[in-house]
Amino acid sequence: MVSAERFISMAWELELTICSLITDQTPEGYLDVCRDQAKSRGIDVFNLNFNEYESPLAAFAAEENRELVATLEGCRRKTLVIFEGADALAPLECNETFWLRSLLANTNESSFLVCVFVTEGRDLYERVESAFFESMISITS
């Protein structure tokens, strides 16, 4: 597994826009080190935990996430976005997953944005029908 320090130092150079972490394969404190390393380098950091909302739609519509959504739609500086509980995006009927995939895949700002999807399993990106099928870079394996 790549260290948190190395991940933060190289993610933007390698344009790792869409990354995944499997919870049980991630060392304790890994995300905290990523956040701290990013902030110390002047990188903006956003965290959205889908477990705190009734649905992905509610998460993206929440007042406290407006700045995050605006950043996703038009990122202008180096930004790290951590999506915890991202298994909520795995159901195929989740429109927000396809909206998010479209934003991340079709943006001109990909060199500014690095998103980490923290999941319990691999349904979000290993199923052929999935919006993120074969488009995530695993940083846990």
C-alpha atoms as a PDB file:
ATOM      1  CA  MET A   1       0.000   0.000   0.000  1.00  0.00           C
ATOM      2  CA  VAL A   2       1.242   3.451  -0.828  1.00  0.00           C
ATOM      3  CA  SER A   3       1.918   5.597   2.234  1.00  0.00           C
ATOM      4  CA  ALA A   4      -0.379   8.536   2.890  1.00  0.00           C
ATOM      5  CA  GLU A   5       2.558  10.925   2.517  1.00  0.00           C
ATOM      6  CA  ARG A   6       3.558   9.471  -0.858  1.00  0.00           C
ATOM      7  CA  PHE A   7      -0.039   9.427  -2.066  1.00  0.00           C
ATOM      8  CA  ILE A   8      -0.491  13.117  -1.282  1.00  0.00           C
ATOM      9  CA  SER A   9       2.867  14.062  -2.783  1.00  0.00           C
ATOM     10  CA  MET A  10       2.201  12.270  -6.102  1.00  0.00           C
ATOM     11  CA  ALA A  11      -1.587  12.122  -6.665  1.00  0.00           C
ATOM     12  CA  TRP A  12      -1.837  15.408  -8.554  1.00  0.00           C
ATOM     13  CA  GLU A  13       1.257  14.823 -10.662  1.00  0.00           C
ATOM     14  CA  LEU A  14      -0.148  11.454 -11.727  1.00  0.00           C
ATOM     15  CA  GLU A  15      -3.687  12.899 -12.094  1.00  0.00           C
ATOM     16  CA  LEU A  16      -5.218  10.243  -9.842  1.00  0.00           C
ATOM     17  CA  THR A  17      -8.654  11.814  -9.976  1.00  0.00           C
ATOM     18  CA  ILE A  18     -10.639   8.730  -8.919  1.00  0.00           C
ATOM     19  CA  CYS A  19      -9.126   6.556  -6.163  1.00  0.00           C
ATOM     20  CA  SER A  20     -10.480   3.863  -3.871  1.00  0.00           C
ATOM     21  CA  LEU A  21      -9.702   2.654  -0.381  1.00  0.00           C
ATOM     22  CA  ILE A  22     -11.138  -0.510   1.137  1.00  0.00           C
ATOM     23  CA  THR A  23     -11.838   0.132   4.819  1.00  0.00           C
ATOM     24  CA  ASP A  24     -10.521  -3.137   6.253  1.00  0.00           C
ATOM     25  CA  GLN A  25      -7.301  -2.826   4.219  1.00  0.00           C
ATOM     26  CA  THR A  26      -6.595   0.734   5.326  1.00  0.00           C
ATOM     27  CA  PRO A  27      -4.321   1.360   8.321  1.00  0.00           C
ATOM     28  CA  GLU A  28      -5.753   3.247  11.284  1.00  0.00           C
ATOM     29  CA  GLY A  29      -5.288   6.994  10.842  1.00  0.00           C
ATOM     30  CA  TYR A  30      -4.458   6.807   7.127  1.00  0.00           C
ATOM     31  CA  LEU A  31      -7.123   9.320   6.117  1.00  0.00           C
ATOM     32  CA  ASP A  32      -6.127  11.682   8.925  1.00  0.00           C
ATOM     33  CA  VAL A  33      -2.542  11.678   7.644  1.00  0.00           C
ATOM     34  CA  CYS A  34      -3.814  12.307   4.097  1.00  0.00           C
ATOM     35  CA  ARG A  35      -5.871  15.276   5.304  1.00  0.00           C
ATOM     36  CA  ASP A  36      -3.004  16.693   7.366  1.00  0.00           C
ATOM     37  CA  GLN A  37      -0.453  16.227   4.578  1.00  0.00           C
ATOM     38  CA  ALA A  38      -2.766  17.868   2.044  1.00  0.00           C
ATOM     39  CA  LYS A  39      -3.507  20.843   4.291  1.00  0.00           C
ATOM     40  CA  SER A  40       0.199  21.315   5.059  1.00  0.00           C
ATOM     41  CA  ARG A  41       0.813  21.591   1.293  1.00  0.00           C
ATOM     42  CA  GLY A  42      -1.938  24.184   0.815  1.00  0.00           C
ATOM     43  CA  ILE A  43      -4.355  21.701  -0.742  1.00  0.00           C
ATOM     44  CA  ASP A  44      -8.056  22.201  -0.037  1.00  0.00           C
ATOM     45  CA  VAL A  45      -9.691  19.239   1.703  1.00  0.00           C
ATOM     46  CA  PHE A  46     -13.347  18.220   1.717  1.00  0.00           C
ATOM     47  CA  ASN A  47     -14.851  15.229   3.495  1.00  0.00           C
ATOM     48  CA  LEU A  48     -18.322  13.840   2.862  1.00  0.00           C
ATOM     49  CA  ASN A  49     -19.502  10.857   4.881  1.00  0.00           C
ATOM     50  CA  PHE A  50     -22.526   9.299   3.194  1.00  0.00           C
ATOM     51  CA  ASN A  51     -23.297   7.385   6.404  1.00  0.00           C
ATOM     52  CA  GLU A  52     -24.494  10.679   7.913  1.00  0.00           C
ATOM     53  CA  TYR A  53     -27.283  11.122   5.322  1.00  0.00           C
ATOM     54  CA  GLU A  54     -30.352   9.175   4.299  1.00  0.00           C
ATOM     55  CA  SER A  55     -29.215   9.045   0.674  1.00  0.00           C
ATOM     56  CA  PRO A  56     -26.531  10.336  -1.687  1.00  0.00           C
ATOM     57  CA  LEU A  57     -29.061  12.872  -3.001  1.00  0.00           C
ATOM     58  CA  ALA A  58     -29.580  14.207   0.540  1.00  0.00           C
ATOM     59  CA  ALA A  59     -25.805  14.373   1.027  1.00  0.00           C
ATOM     60  CA  PHE A  60     -25.163  16.384  -2.124  1.00  0.00           C
ATOM     61  CA  ALA A  61     -28.195  18.611  -1.491  1.00  0.00           C
ATOM     62  CA  ALA A  62     -27.247  19.416   2.117  1.00  0.00           C
ATOM     63  CA  GLU A  63     -26.411  23.034   2.863  1.00  0.00           C
ATOM     64  CA  GLU A  64     -23.098  22.084   4.468  1.00  0.00           C
ATOM     65  CA  ASN A  65     -21.969  20.425   1.207  1.00  0.00           C
ATOM     66  CA  ARG A  66     -22.729  23.278  -1.206  1.00  0.00           C
ATOM     67  CA  GLU A  67     -19.106  24.386  -1.390  1.00  0.00           C
ATOM     68  CA  LEU A  68     -18.050  20.796  -2.079  1.00  0.00           C
ATOM     69  CA  VAL A  69     -20.570  20.450  -4.929  1.00  0.00           C
ATOM     70  CA  ALA A  70     -19.452  23.788  -6.390  1.00  0.00           C
ATOM     71  CA  THR A  71     -15.856  22.588  -6.217  1.00  0.00           C
ATOM     72  CA  LEU A  72     -16.732  19.318  -7.954  1.00  0.00           C
ATOM     73  CA  GLU A  73     -18.492  21.277 -10.700  1.00  0.00           C
ATOM     74  CA  GLY A  74     -15.631  23.734 -11.220  1.00  0.00           C
ATOM     75  CA  CYS A  75     -12.426  22.997  -9.349  1.00  0.00           C
ATOM     76  CA  ARG A  76      -9.790  25.719  -9.762  1.00  0.00           C
ATOM     77  CA  ARG A  77      -7.075  24.664  -7.296  1.00  0.00           C
ATOM     78  CA  LYS A  78      -5.626  21.473  -5.865  1.00  0.00           C
ATOM     79  CA  THR A  79      -8.326  19.763  -3.867  1.00  0.00           C
ATOM     80  CA  LEU A  80      -8.636  16.446  -2.040  1.00  0.00           C
ATOM     81  CA  VAL A  81     -12.163  15.081  -1.617  1.00  0.00           C
ATOM     82  CA  ILE A  82     -12.727  12.081   0.636  1.00  0.00           C
ATOM     83  CA  PHE A  83     -16.043  10.253   0.242  1.00  0.00           C
ATOM     84  CA  GLU A  84     -16.495   8.013   3.274  1.00  0.00           C
ATOM     85  CA  GLY A  85     -19.260   5.401   3.232  1.00  0.00           C
ATOM     86  CA  ALA A  86     -19.111   5.492  -0.564  1.00  0.00           C
ATOM     87  CA  ASP A  87     -20.881   2.120  -0.711  1.00  0.00           C
ATOM     88  CA  ALA A  88     -24.028   4.284  -0.730  1.00  0.00           C
ATOM     89  CA  LEU A  89     -23.127   5.121  -4.338  1.00  0.00           C
ATOM     90  CA  ALA A  90     -22.952   1.456  -5.438  1.00  0.00           C
ATOM     91  CA  PRO A  91     -26.639   0.754  -6.248  1.00  0.00           C
ATOM     92  CA  LEU A  92     -27.168   0.954  -9.997  1.00  0.00           C
ATOM     93  CA  GLU A  93     -30.297   3.059  -9.546  1.00  0.00           C
ATOM     94  CA  CYS A  94     -28.317   5.785  -7.765  1.00  0.00           C
ATOM     95  CA  ASN A  95     -28.445   8.713 -10.182  1.00  0.00           C
ATOM     96  CA  GLU A  96     -25.964  10.716  -8.122  1.00  0.00           C
ATOM     97  CA  THR A  97     -23.268   8.131  -8.829  1.00  0.00           C
ATOM     98  CA  PHE A  98     -23.597   8.626 -12.573  1.00  0.00           C
ATOM     99  CA  TRP A  99     -23.731  12.421 -12.136  1.00  0.00           C
ATOM    100  CA  LEU A 100     -20.544  12.302 -10.065  1.00  0.00           C
ATOM    101  CA  ARG A 101     -18.786   9.963 -12.520  1.00  0.00           C
ATOM    102  CA  SER A 102     -19.696  12.269 -15.363  1.00  0.00           C
ATOM    103  CA  LEU A 103     -18.299  15.291 -13.510  1.00  0.00           C
ATOM    104  CA  LEU A 104     -15.036  13.545 -12.678  1.00  0.00           C
ATOM    105  CA  ALA A 105     -14.515  11.958 -16.088  1.00  0.00           C
ATOM    106  CA  ASN A 106     -15.422  14.964 -18.203  1.00  0.00           C
ATOM    107  CA  THR A 107     -13.806  17.779 -16.302  1.00  0.00           C
ATOM    108  CA  ASN A 108     -10.988  19.936 -17.578  1.00  0.00           C
ATOM    109  CA  GLU A 109      -9.913  20.399 -13.989  1.00  0.00           C
ATOM    110  CA  SER A 110      -8.825  16.800 -13.403  1.00  0.00           C
ATOM    111  CA  SER A 111      -5.301  17.954 -12.658  1.00  0.00           C
ATOM    112  CA  PHE A 112      -6.700  19.863  -9.647  1.00  0.00           C
ATOM    113  CA  LEU A 113      -9.070  17.280  -8.183  1.00  0.00           C
ATOM    114  CA  VAL A 114      -8.272  14.017  -6.382  1.00  0.00           C
ATOM    115  CA  CYS A 115     -11.214  12.042  -4.982  1.00  0.00           C
ATOM    116  CA  VAL A 116     -10.879   9.085  -2.621  1.00  0.00           C
ATOM    117  CA  PHE A 117     -13.857   6.755  -2.326  1.00  0.00           C
ATOM    118  CA  VAL A 118     -13.752   4.814   0.945  1.00  0.00           C
ATOM    119  CA  THR A 119     -15.802   1.613   0.753  1.00  0.00           C
ATOM    120  CA  GLU A 120     -16.380  -1.657   2.568  1.00  0.00           C
ATOM    121  CA  GLY A 121     -16.436  -3.638  -0.677  1.00  0.00           C
ATOM    122  CA  ARG A 122     -15.792  -3.340  -4.377  1.00  0.00           C
ATOM    123  CA  ASP A 123     -19.340  -3.093  -5.798  1.00  0.00           C
ATOM    124  CA  LEU A 124     -18.843   0.572  -6.660  1.00  0.00           C
ATOM    125  CA  TYR A 125     -16.203  -0.172  -9.280  1.00  0.00           C
ATOM    126  CA  GLU A 126     -15.916  -3.896 -10.055  1.00  0.00           C
ATOM    127  CA  ARG A 127     -19.357  -4.610 -11.500  1.00  0.00           C
ATOM    128  CA  VAL A 128     -19.532  -4.152 -15.277  1.00  0.00           C
ATOM    129  CA  GLU A 129     -22.717  -2.065 -14.939  1.00  0.00           C
ATOM    130  CA  SER A 130     -21.209   0.255 -12.358  1.00  0.00           C
ATOM    131  CA  ALA A 131     -20.618   3.926 -13.171  1.00  0.00           C
ATOM    132  CA  PHE A 132     -17.054   3.603 -11.909  1.00  0.00           C
ATOM    133  CA  PHE A 133     -16.284   0.238 -13.538  1.00  0.00           C
ATOM    134  CA  GLU A 134     -12.515  -0.051 -14.003  1.00  0.00           C
ATOM    135  CA  SER A 135     -12.025   3.691 -13.521  1.00  0.00           C
ATOM    136  CA  MET A 136     -10.743   3.746  -9.942  1.00  0.00           C
ATOM    137  CA  ILE A 137      -7.141   3.468  -8.881  1.00  0.00           C
ATOM    138  CA  SER A 138      -6.848   1.394  -5.719  1.00  0.00           C
ATOM    139  CA  ILE A 139      -4.458   2.815  -3.178  1.00  0.00           C
ATOM    140  CA  THR A 140      -4.923  -0.101  -0.789  1.00  0.00           C
ATOM    141  CA  SER A 141      -3.549  -2.825  -3.025  1.00  0.00           C
END
